[in-house]
């Protein structure tokens, strides 16, 4: 799903909510589904979506980054996850979690 399609789908969900055709919970589910679809189908020449796994604080978190190392840094920044003692800051090996490309 491209960005324009995602925005149109969110706009449709909001219009249905405003028209009384959907309640807040249904609208939230619909918007979340659009966002998850957009994130998992994200296509950009230099960027990819990465999903974190391992530590409970990062499990399932999806970020967009240029590389796995950058994705690990972004996850760490978003969750305030500290590197494990003795981990190598240069390669982004935080030890507590891993990231994999979303397919």
Foldseek 3Di string as FASTA:
>chain_A
DDPVVLVVQLVVLVVCCVVVNDDPVVSVVSNVVSVVVCQLPPDDDQKFKKQKDADPQRHGPIDIDRDQLVVLVVSCVVRVQAADPPDDVVSNCSPRMGIDTRD
